[in-house]
């Protein structure tokens, strides 16, 4: 088992799924930071409290790994979380997708750009109809092997992002500025995290129509493939709930 994958196994099974918050020093550096939905959560100043809150809300919350991408120095995890979450109607089931881009120093995690589809979670809780869970990876721990980075793939995706990137973004925001927060390659596949800024286009169900045109920032985590010499988006997780939060004040996390 690759040592980075071994750390992630502890992160997923012993920490997240077991809700064991005594493991921070084992798997995360003290200055570990999580970037999510526009927030920068330092391990001991924000992140621990956020995790304690969600574990308290959902004592059965679990994480399912769908894929790990590894080049040795960097790792991307595509996952889902699922839980019975509290609502005014009592606990309701939901599952929602996430993509995280992890950095480490050879021993412990140092940084993570991650997005989770909290809008989908909220929609399921309102409707009482949970989505079907995508099948888990049968064994990501012993089957994940590092694939060398490919600088030409990174350049291709960076140029594509600078031209506007995924359609998910332009459907929500008239982009005037786009920042590539993180990007790396695993062979011809390229995980990325971006922040797009511009005017909100409208049409979100829970946002008043009068908010159209308001300035917003939208975060997106994704995985692109460049195997055929062009950029093909495999997956994105769009922090749409962060737009709802910016325009209505409803918490995004």
C-alpha atoms as a PDB file:
ATOM      1  CA  UNK A   1       0.000   0.000   0.000  1.00  0.00           C
ATOM      2  CA  UNK A   2       1.415   3.388  -1.000  1.00  0.00           C
ATOM      3  CA  UNK A   3       2.153   5.509   2.115  1.00  0.00           C
ATOM      4  CA  UNK A   4      -0.046   8.404   0.905  1.00  0.00           C
ATOM      5  CA  UNK A   5      -2.911   5.962   0.356  1.00  0.00           C
ATOM      6  CA  UNK A   6      -2.264   4.512   3.816  1.00  0.00           C
ATOM      7  CA  UNK A   7      -2.730   7.966   5.330  1.00  0.00           C
ATOM      8  CA  UNK A   8      -5.977   8.361   3.380  1.00  0.00           C
ATOM      9  CA  UNK A   9      -7.181   4.963   4.573  1.00  0.00           C
ATOM     10  CA  UNK A  10      -6.760   6.141   8.163  1.00  0.00           C
ATOM     11  CA  UNK A  11      -8.430   9.435   7.224  1.00  0.00           C
ATOM     12  CA  UNK A  12     -11.462   7.715   5.672  1.00  0.00           C
ATOM     13  CA  UNK A  13     -11.969   4.654   7.883  1.00  0.00           C
ATOM     14  CA  UNK A  14     -10.517   5.417  11.308  1.00  0.00           C
ATOM     15  CA  UNK A  15     -11.170   9.161  11.395  1.00  0.00           C
ATOM     16  CA  UNK A  16     -14.208  10.022   9.244  1.00  0.00           C
ATOM     17  CA  UNK A  17     -16.247   6.828   9.362  1.00  0.00           C
ATOM     18  CA  UNK A  18     -15.388   6.089  12.995  1.00  0.00           C
ATOM     19  CA  UNK A  19     -15.823   9.753  14.044  1.00  0.00           C
ATOM     20  CA  UNK A  20     -12.541   9.539  15.967  1.00  0.00           C
ATOM     21  CA  UNK A  21     -11.254  13.084  16.402  1.00  0.00           C
ATOM     22  CA  UNK A  22      -8.262  11.921  18.447  1.00  0.00           C
ATOM     23  CA  UNK A  23      -6.383  11.179  15.199  1.00  0.00           C
ATOM     24  CA  UNK A  24      -5.646  14.739  14.066  1.00  0.00           C
ATOM     25  CA  UNK A  25      -1.987  14.662  15.096  1.00  0.00           C
ATOM     26  CA  UNK A  26      -1.482  11.322  13.347  1.00  0.00           C
ATOM     27  CA  UNK A  27      -2.877  12.275   9.933  1.00  0.00           C
ATOM     28  CA  UNK A  28      -2.770  16.116   9.748  1.00  0.00           C
ATOM     29  CA  UNK A  29      -0.100  18.710  10.429  1.00  0.00           C
ATOM     30  CA  UNK A  30      -1.055  21.427  12.949  1.00  0.00           C
ATOM     31  CA  UNK A  31      -1.195  23.984  10.102  1.00  0.00           C
ATOM     32  CA  UNK A  32      -3.358  21.729   7.902  1.00  0.00           C
ATOM     33  CA  UNK A  33      -5.969  23.837   6.101  1.00  0.00           C
ATOM     34  CA  UNK A  34      -9.177  22.902   4.291  1.00  0.00           C
ATOM     35  CA  UNK A  35     -10.442  25.204   1.537  1.00  0.00           C
ATOM     36  CA  UNK A  36     -14.158  24.619   0.969  1.00  0.00           C
ATOM     37  CA  UNK A  37     -17.020  26.772  -0.334  1.00  0.00           C
ATOM     38  CA  UNK A  38     -14.897  29.895  -0.051  1.00  0.00           C
ATOM     39  CA  UNK A  39     -13.808  29.207   3.535  1.00  0.00           C
ATOM     40  CA  UNK A  40     -10.232  28.530   4.687  1.00  0.00           C
ATOM     41  CA  UNK A  41     -10.495  26.288   7.761  1.00  0.00           C
ATOM     42  CA  UNK A  42      -7.310  25.788   9.764  1.00  0.00           C
ATOM     43  CA  UNK A  43      -7.126  22.471  11.598  1.00  0.00           C
ATOM     44  CA  UNK A  44      -7.393  23.886  15.109  1.00  0.00           C
ATOM     45  CA  UNK A  45      -9.198  27.120  14.210  1.00  0.00           C
ATOM     46  CA  UNK A  46     -12.421  26.285  12.454  1.00  0.00           C
ATOM     47  CA  UNK A  47     -11.983  22.827  10.953  1.00  0.00           C
ATOM     48  CA  UNK A  48     -12.193  20.825  14.191  1.00  0.00           C
ATOM     49  CA  UNK A  49     -15.312  22.706  15.260  1.00  0.00           C
ATOM     50  CA  UNK A  50     -16.976  22.207  11.870  1.00  0.00           C
ATOM     51  CA  UNK A  51     -16.298  18.469  11.982  1.00  0.00           C
ATOM     52  CA  UNK A  52     -17.502  18.199  15.575  1.00  0.00           C
ATOM     53  CA  UNK A  53     -20.711  19.982  14.540  1.00  0.00           C
ATOM     54  CA  UNK A  54     -21.478  17.681  11.593  1.00  0.00           C
ATOM     55  CA  UNK A  55     -20.648  14.551  13.631  1.00  0.00           C
ATOM     56  CA  UNK A  56     -23.034  15.811  16.311  1.00  0.00           C
ATOM     57  CA  UNK A  57     -25.777  16.475  13.768  1.00  0.00           C
ATOM     58  CA  UNK A  58     -25.312  13.136  12.020  1.00  0.00           C
ATOM     59  CA  UNK A  59     -23.861  10.458  14.320  1.00  0.00           C
ATOM     60  CA  UNK A  60     -24.147   7.901  11.511  1.00  0.00           C
ATOM     61  CA  UNK A  61     -22.426   9.984   8.834  1.00  0.00           C
ATOM     62  CA  UNK A  62     -20.165   7.931   6.599  1.00  0.00           C
ATOM     63  CA  UNK A  63     -17.823   8.384   3.651  1.00  0.00           C
ATOM     64  CA  UNK A  64     -17.639   6.126   0.581  1.00  0.00           C
ATOM     65  CA  UNK A  65     -14.614   6.269  -1.731  1.00  0.00           C
ATOM     66  CA  UNK A  66     -15.345   6.046  -5.461  1.00  0.00           C
ATOM     67  CA  UNK A  67     -11.844   6.722  -6.790  1.00  0.00           C
ATOM     68  CA  UNK A  68      -8.325   7.704  -5.790  1.00  0.00           C
ATOM     69  CA  UNK A  69      -5.930   9.383  -8.244  1.00  0.00           C
ATOM     70  CA  UNK A  70      -2.289   9.424  -7.162  1.00  0.00           C
ATOM     71  CA  UNK A  71       0.942  10.676  -8.693  1.00  0.00           C
ATOM     72  CA  UNK A  72       3.000  10.039  -5.557  1.00  0.00           C
ATOM     73  CA  UNK A  73       3.217  13.638  -4.363  1.00  0.00           C
ATOM     74  CA  UNK A  74      -0.470  14.556  -4.833  1.00  0.00           C
ATOM     75  CA  UNK A  75      -3.737  12.676  -4.389  1.00  0.00           C
ATOM     76  CA  UNK A  76      -7.317  13.298  -5.480  1.00  0.00           C
ATOM     77  CA  UNK A  77     -10.216  11.512  -3.812  1.00  0.00           C
ATOM     78  CA  UNK A  78     -13.664  11.303  -5.376  1.00  0.00           C
ATOM     79  CA  UNK A  79     -16.163  10.305  -2.715  1.00  0.00           C
ATOM     80  CA  UNK A  80     -19.693  10.517  -1.386  1.00  0.00           C
ATOM     81  CA  UNK A  81     -20.910  11.197   2.118  1.00  0.00           C
ATOM     82  CA  UNK A  82     -24.221   9.926   3.423  1.00  0.00           C
ATOM     83  CA  UNK A  83     -26.216  10.381   6.596  1.00  0.00           C
ATOM     84  CA  UNK A  84     -29.543  10.731   8.284  1.00  0.00           C
ATOM     85  CA  UNK A  85     -29.598  14.498   8.844  1.00  0.00           C
ATOM     86  CA  UNK A  86     -31.885  16.399  11.237  1.00  0.00           C
ATOM     87  CA  UNK A  87     -34.809  18.336   9.701  1.00  0.00           C
ATOM     88  CA  UNK A  88     -38.046  19.852  10.998  1.00  0.00           C
ATOM     89  CA  UNK A  89     -39.681  16.595   9.895  1.00  0.00           C
ATOM     90  CA  UNK A  90     -37.218  14.444  11.813  1.00  0.00           C
ATOM     91  CA  UNK A  91     -34.096  12.692  10.454  1.00  0.00           C
ATOM     92  CA  UNK A  92     -34.012  12.369   6.667  1.00  0.00           C
ATOM     93  CA  UNK A  93     -31.562  10.476   4.501  1.00  0.00           C
ATOM     94  CA  UNK A  94     -29.239  12.068   1.957  1.00  0.00           C
ATOM     95  CA  UNK A  95     -26.071  11.276   0.056  1.00  0.00           C
ATOM     96  CA  UNK A  96     -23.941  13.833  -1.742  1.00  0.00           C
ATOM     97  CA  UNK A  97     -20.763  13.845  -3.814  1.00  0.00           C
ATOM     98  CA  UNK A  98     -17.386  15.409  -3.172  1.00  0.00           C
ATOM     99  CA  UNK A  99     -13.965  15.829  -4.748  1.00  0.00           C
ATOM    100  CA  UNK A 100     -10.872  16.623  -2.685  1.00  0.00           C
ATOM    101  CA  UNK A 101      -7.336  17.529  -3.818  1.00  0.00           C
ATOM    102  CA  UNK A 102      -4.864  16.640  -1.055  1.00  0.00           C
ATOM    103  CA  UNK A 103      -1.297  17.687  -0.310  1.00  0.00           C
ATOM    104  CA  UNK A 104       1.040  15.971   2.138  1.00  0.00           C
ATOM    105  CA  UNK A 105       4.646  16.243   3.285  1.00  0.00           C
ATOM    106  CA  UNK A 106       5.470  12.547   3.106  1.00  0.00           C
ATOM    107  CA  UNK A 107       3.970  11.808   6.510  1.00  0.00           C
ATOM    108  CA  UNK A 108       0.825  13.839   7.144  1.00  0.00           C
ATOM    109  CA  UNK A 109      -1.725  15.928   5.260  1.00  0.00           C
ATOM    110  CA  UNK A 110      -0.933  19.633   4.874  1.00  0.00           C
ATOM    111  CA  UNK A 111      -3.728  21.077   2.687  1.00  0.00           C
ATOM    112  CA  UNK A 112      -6.988  20.139   0.975  1.00  0.00           C
ATOM    113  CA  UNK A 113      -9.032  21.914  -1.688  1.00  0.00           C
ATOM    114  CA  UNK A 114     -12.400  20.165  -1.564  1.00  0.00           C
ATOM    115  CA  UNK A 115     -16.001  20.732  -2.551  1.00  0.00           C
ATOM    116  CA  UNK A 116     -19.127  18.843  -1.550  1.00  0.00           C
ATOM    117  CA  UNK A 117     -22.532  19.109  -3.202  1.00  0.00           C
ATOM    118  CA  UNK A 118     -24.377  20.608  -0.247  1.00  0.00           C
ATOM    119  CA  UNK A 119     -27.153  21.917  -2.518  1.00  0.00           C
ATOM    120  CA  UNK A 120     -28.013  18.330  -3.486  1.00  0.00           C
ATOM    121  CA  UNK A 121     -27.951  17.375   0.192  1.00  0.00           C
ATOM    122  CA  UNK A 122     -30.363  20.173   1.059  1.00  0.00           C
ATOM    123  CA  UNK A 123     -32.688  19.291  -1.824  1.00  0.00           C
ATOM    124  CA  UNK A 124     -32.878  15.689  -0.608  1.00  0.00           C
ATOM    125  CA  UNK A 125     -33.596  16.776   2.956  1.00  0.00           C
ATOM    126  CA  UNK A 126     -36.390  19.084   1.789  1.00  0.00           C
ATOM    127  CA  UNK A 127     -38.003  16.467  -0.441  1.00  0.00           C
ATOM    128  CA  UNK A 128     -37.440  13.468   1.792  1.00  0.00           C
ATOM    129  CA  UNK A 129     -36.222  11.538  -1.263  1.00  0.00           C
ATOM    130  CA  UNK A 130     -32.549  10.511  -1.030  1.00  0.00           C
ATOM    131  CA  UNK A 131     -30.503  10.003  -4.176  1.00  0.00           C
ATOM    132  CA  UNK A 132     -29.141   6.588  -5.079  1.00  0.00           C
ATOM    133  CA  UNK A 133     -25.555   6.052  -3.953  1.00  0.00           C
ATOM    134  CA  UNK A 134     -22.948   5.446  -6.629  1.00  0.00           C
ATOM    135  CA  UNK A 135     -21.216   2.081  -6.054  1.00  0.00           C
ATOM    136  CA  UNK A 136     -18.042   2.289  -3.947  1.00  0.00           C
ATOM    137  CA  UNK A 137     -14.560   1.493  -5.162  1.00  0.00           C
ATOM    138  CA  UNK A 138     -14.121  -2.176  -4.264  1.00  0.00           C
ATOM    139  CA  UNK A 139     -10.655  -1.667  -2.779  1.00  0.00           C
ATOM    140  CA  UNK A 140      -8.975   1.698  -3.364  1.00  0.00           C
ATOM    141  CA  UNK A 141      -6.292   0.992  -0.772  1.00  0.00           C
ATOM    142  CA  UNK A 142      -4.289  -1.831  -2.344  1.00  0.00           C
ATOM    143  CA  UNK A 143      -5.188  -1.167  -5.987  1.00  0.00           C
ATOM    144  CA  UNK A 144      -4.196   2.515  -6.214  1.00  0.00           C
ATOM    145  CA  UNK A 145      -0.738   2.911  -7.736  1.00  0.00           C
ATOM    146  CA  UNK A 146       1.027   6.201  -8.538  1.00  0.00           C
ATOM    147  CA  UNK A 147       1.003   7.415 -12.127  1.00  0.00           C
ATOM    148  CA  UNK A 148       3.597   9.986 -13.165  1.00  0.00           C
ATOM    149  CA  UNK A 149       2.495  13.579 -13.625  1.00  0.00           C
ATOM    150  CA  UNK A 150       2.215  14.949 -17.164  1.00  0.00           C
ATOM    151  CA  UNK A 151       3.038  18.644 -17.495  1.00  0.00           C
ATOM    152  CA  UNK A 152       1.506  18.839 -20.979  1.00  0.00           C
ATOM    153  CA  UNK A 153      -1.837  17.650 -19.603  1.00  0.00           C
ATOM    154  CA  UNK A 154      -1.646  20.267 -16.851  1.00  0.00           C
ATOM    155  CA  UNK A 155      -0.947  23.017 -19.385  1.00  0.00           C
ATOM    156  CA  UNK A 156      -3.846  21.919 -21.584  1.00  0.00           C
ATOM    157  CA  UNK A 157      -6.310  21.995 -18.688  1.00  0.00           C
ATOM    158  CA  UNK A 158      -4.956  25.275 -17.314  1.00  0.00           C
ATOM    159  CA  UNK A 159      -5.445  26.957 -20.696  1.00  0.00           C
ATOM    160  CA  UNK A 160      -8.960  25.521 -20.953  1.00  0.00           C
ATOM    161  CA  UNK A 161      -9.827  26.804 -17.479  1.00  0.00           C
ATOM    162  CA  UNK A 162      -8.500  30.251 -18.307  1.00  0.00           C
ATOM    163  CA  UNK A 163     -10.898  30.300 -21.276  1.00  0.00           C
ATOM    164  CA  UNK A 164     -13.843  29.678 -18.941  1.00  0.00           C
ATOM    165  CA  UNK A 165     -13.697  26.026 -17.992  1.00  0.00           C
ATOM    166  CA  UNK A 166     -16.695  23.798 -17.203  1.00  0.00           C
ATOM    167  CA  UNK A 167     -20.198  24.548 -18.462  1.00  0.00           C
ATOM    168  CA  UNK A 168     -21.401  24.211 -14.853  1.00  0.00           C
ATOM    169  CA  UNK A 169     -19.759  27.570 -14.178  1.00  0.00           C
ATOM    170  CA  UNK A 170     -21.128  29.581 -17.111  1.00  0.00           C
ATOM    171  CA  UNK A 171     -24.642  28.268 -16.396  1.00  0.00           C
ATOM    172  CA  UNK A 172     -24.547  29.976 -13.001  1.00  0.00           C
ATOM    173  CA  UNK A 173     -22.155  32.924 -13.344  1.00  0.00           C
ATOM    174  CA  UNK A 174     -21.177  35.439 -16.024  1.00  0.00           C
ATOM    175  CA  UNK A 175     -17.488  34.983 -15.285  1.00  0.00           C
ATOM    176  CA  UNK A 176     -15.240  38.047 -15.206  1.00  0.00           C
ATOM    177  CA  UNK A 177     -12.394  36.501 -13.220  1.00  0.00           C
ATOM    178  CA  UNK A 178     -11.304  32.892 -12.717  1.00  0.00           C
ATOM    179  CA  UNK A 179      -8.574  31.712 -10.348  1.00  0.00           C
ATOM    180  CA  UNK A 180      -6.973  28.275 -10.549  1.00  0.00           C
ATOM    181  CA  UNK A 181      -6.567  27.445  -6.849  1.00  0.00           C
ATOM    182  CA  UNK A 182      -5.030  24.021  -7.348  1.00  0.00           C
ATOM    183  CA  UNK A 183      -4.237  21.725 -10.268  1.00  0.00           C
ATOM    184  CA  UNK A 184      -2.064  18.659 -10.803  1.00  0.00           C
ATOM    185  CA  UNK A 185      -1.912  15.666 -13.114  1.00  0.00           C
ATOM    186  CA  UNK A 186      -2.017  11.908 -12.736  1.00  0.00           C
ATOM    187  CA  UNK A 187      -0.921  10.835 -16.189  1.00  0.00           C
ATOM    188  CA  UNK A 188      -3.327  12.456 -18.642  1.00  0.00           C
ATOM    189  CA  UNK A 189      -5.987  13.029 -15.978  1.00  0.00           C
ATOM    190  CA  UNK A 190      -6.023  16.377 -14.196  1.00  0.00           C
ATOM    191  CA  UNK A 191      -7.813  17.176 -10.930  1.00  0.00           C
ATOM    192  CA  UNK A 192      -8.438  20.906 -10.430  1.00  0.00           C
ATOM    193  CA  UNK A 193     -10.047  23.432  -8.106  1.00  0.00           C
ATOM    194  CA  UNK A 194     -11.126  26.879  -9.283  1.00  0.00           C
ATOM    195  CA  UNK A 195     -12.895  29.975  -8.028  1.00  0.00           C
ATOM    196  CA  UNK A 196     -14.969  31.877 -10.595  1.00  0.00           C
ATOM    197  CA  UNK A 197     -16.216  35.407  -9.919  1.00  0.00           C
ATOM    198  CA  UNK A 198     -18.851  37.376 -11.736  1.00  0.00           C
ATOM    199  CA  UNK A 199     -22.549  38.171 -11.867  1.00  0.00           C
ATOM    200  CA  UNK A 200     -25.097  35.577 -10.760  1.00  0.00           C
ATOM    201  CA  UNK A 201     -27.223  34.557 -13.758  1.00  0.00           C
ATOM    202  CA  UNK A 202     -30.358  33.581 -11.811  1.00  0.00           C
ATOM    203  CA  UNK A 203     -32.622  30.496 -11.854  1.00  0.00           C
ATOM    204  CA  UNK A 204     -31.672  28.843  -8.568  1.00  0.00           C
ATOM    205  CA  UNK A 205     -34.890  27.748  -6.911  1.00  0.00           C
ATOM    206  CA  UNK A 206     -34.056  28.981  -3.412  1.00  0.00           C
ATOM    207  CA  UNK A 207     -32.626  32.369  -4.457  1.00  0.00           C
ATOM    208  CA  UNK A 208     -34.949  35.366  -5.075  1.00  0.00           C
ATOM    209  CA  UNK A 209     -35.154  36.358  -8.751  1.00  0.00           C
ATOM    210  CA  UNK A 210     -34.167  39.912  -7.797  1.00  0.00           C
ATOM    211  CA  UNK A 211     -30.663  38.644  -6.936  1.00  0.00           C
ATOM    212  CA  UNK A 212     -29.843  38.056 -10.616  1.00  0.00           C
ATOM    213  CA  UNK A 213     -26.848  40.193 -11.549  1.00  0.00           C
ATOM    214  CA  UNK A 214     -25.414  40.245  -8.025  1.00  0.00           C
ATOM    215  CA  UNK A 215     -21.674  39.588  -7.699  1.00  0.00           C
ATOM    216  CA  UNK A 216     -20.804  36.097  -6.452  1.00  0.00           C
ATOM    217  CA  UNK A 217     -17.877  33.717  -6.174  1.00  0.00           C
ATOM    218  CA  UNK A 218     -18.315  30.077  -7.164  1.00  0.00           C
ATOM    219  CA  UNK A 219     -15.960  27.239  -6.252  1.00  0.00           C
ATOM    220  CA  UNK A 220     -15.636  24.084  -8.354  1.00  0.00           C
ATOM    221  CA  UNK A 221     -13.599  20.918  -7.897  1.00  0.00           C
ATOM    222  CA  UNK A 222     -13.275  18.631 -10.878  1.00  0.00           C
ATOM    223  CA  UNK A 223     -11.388  15.979 -12.795  1.00  0.00           C
ATOM    224  CA  UNK A 224     -10.550  16.418 -16.480  1.00  0.00           C
ATOM    225  CA  UNK A 225      -9.180  13.895 -18.962  1.00  0.00           C
ATOM    226  CA  UNK A 226      -6.839  14.844 -21.812  1.00  0.00           C
ATOM    227  CA  UNK A 227      -6.136  11.395 -23.261  1.00  0.00           C
ATOM    228  CA  UNK A 228      -7.269  12.343 -26.776  1.00  0.00           C
ATOM    229  CA  UNK A 229      -5.481  15.694 -26.778  1.00  0.00           C
ATOM    230  CA  UNK A 230      -8.545  17.730 -25.837  1.00  0.00           C
ATOM    231  CA  UNK A 231     -10.060  18.461 -22.444  1.00  0.00           C
ATOM    232  CA  UNK A 232     -12.977  16.271 -21.467  1.00  0.00           C
ATOM    233  CA  UNK A 233     -14.631  16.855 -18.100  1.00  0.00           C
ATOM    234  CA  UNK A 234     -15.165  13.617 -16.218  1.00  0.00           C
ATOM    235  CA  UNK A 235     -16.642  14.958 -12.980  1.00  0.00           C
ATOM    236  CA  UNK A 236     -17.286  18.252 -11.272  1.00  0.00           C
ATOM    237  CA  UNK A 237     -18.606  19.146  -7.852  1.00  0.00           C
ATOM    238  CA  UNK A 238     -19.942  22.698  -7.900  1.00  0.00           C
ATOM    239  CA  UNK A 239     -20.355  24.612  -4.638  1.00  0.00           C
ATOM    240  CA  UNK A 240     -23.726  25.986  -5.728  1.00  0.00           C
ATOM    241  CA  UNK A 241     -24.809  26.213  -2.104  1.00  0.00           C
ATOM    242  CA  UNK A 242     -22.130  28.881  -1.604  1.00  0.00           C
ATOM    243  CA  UNK A 243     -24.026  31.127  -4.081  1.00  0.00           C
ATOM    244  CA  UNK A 244     -27.238  30.508  -2.124  1.00  0.00           C
ATOM    245  CA  UNK A 245     -25.403  31.468   1.051  1.00  0.00           C
ATOM    246  CA  UNK A 246     -23.874  34.628  -0.417  1.00  0.00           C
ATOM    247  CA  UNK A 247     -27.252  35.866  -1.687  1.00  0.00           C
ATOM    248  CA  UNK A 248     -29.617  34.716   1.074  1.00  0.00           C
ATOM    249  CA  UNK A 249     -27.505  34.259   4.192  1.00  0.00           C
ATOM    250  CA  UNK A 250     -28.388  30.556   4.522  1.00  0.00           C
ATOM    251  CA  UNK A 251     -25.263  28.720   5.772  1.00  0.00           C
ATOM    252  CA  UNK A 252     -23.423  26.827   3.035  1.00  0.00           C
ATOM    253  CA  UNK A 253     -21.727  24.304   5.318  1.00  0.00           C
END
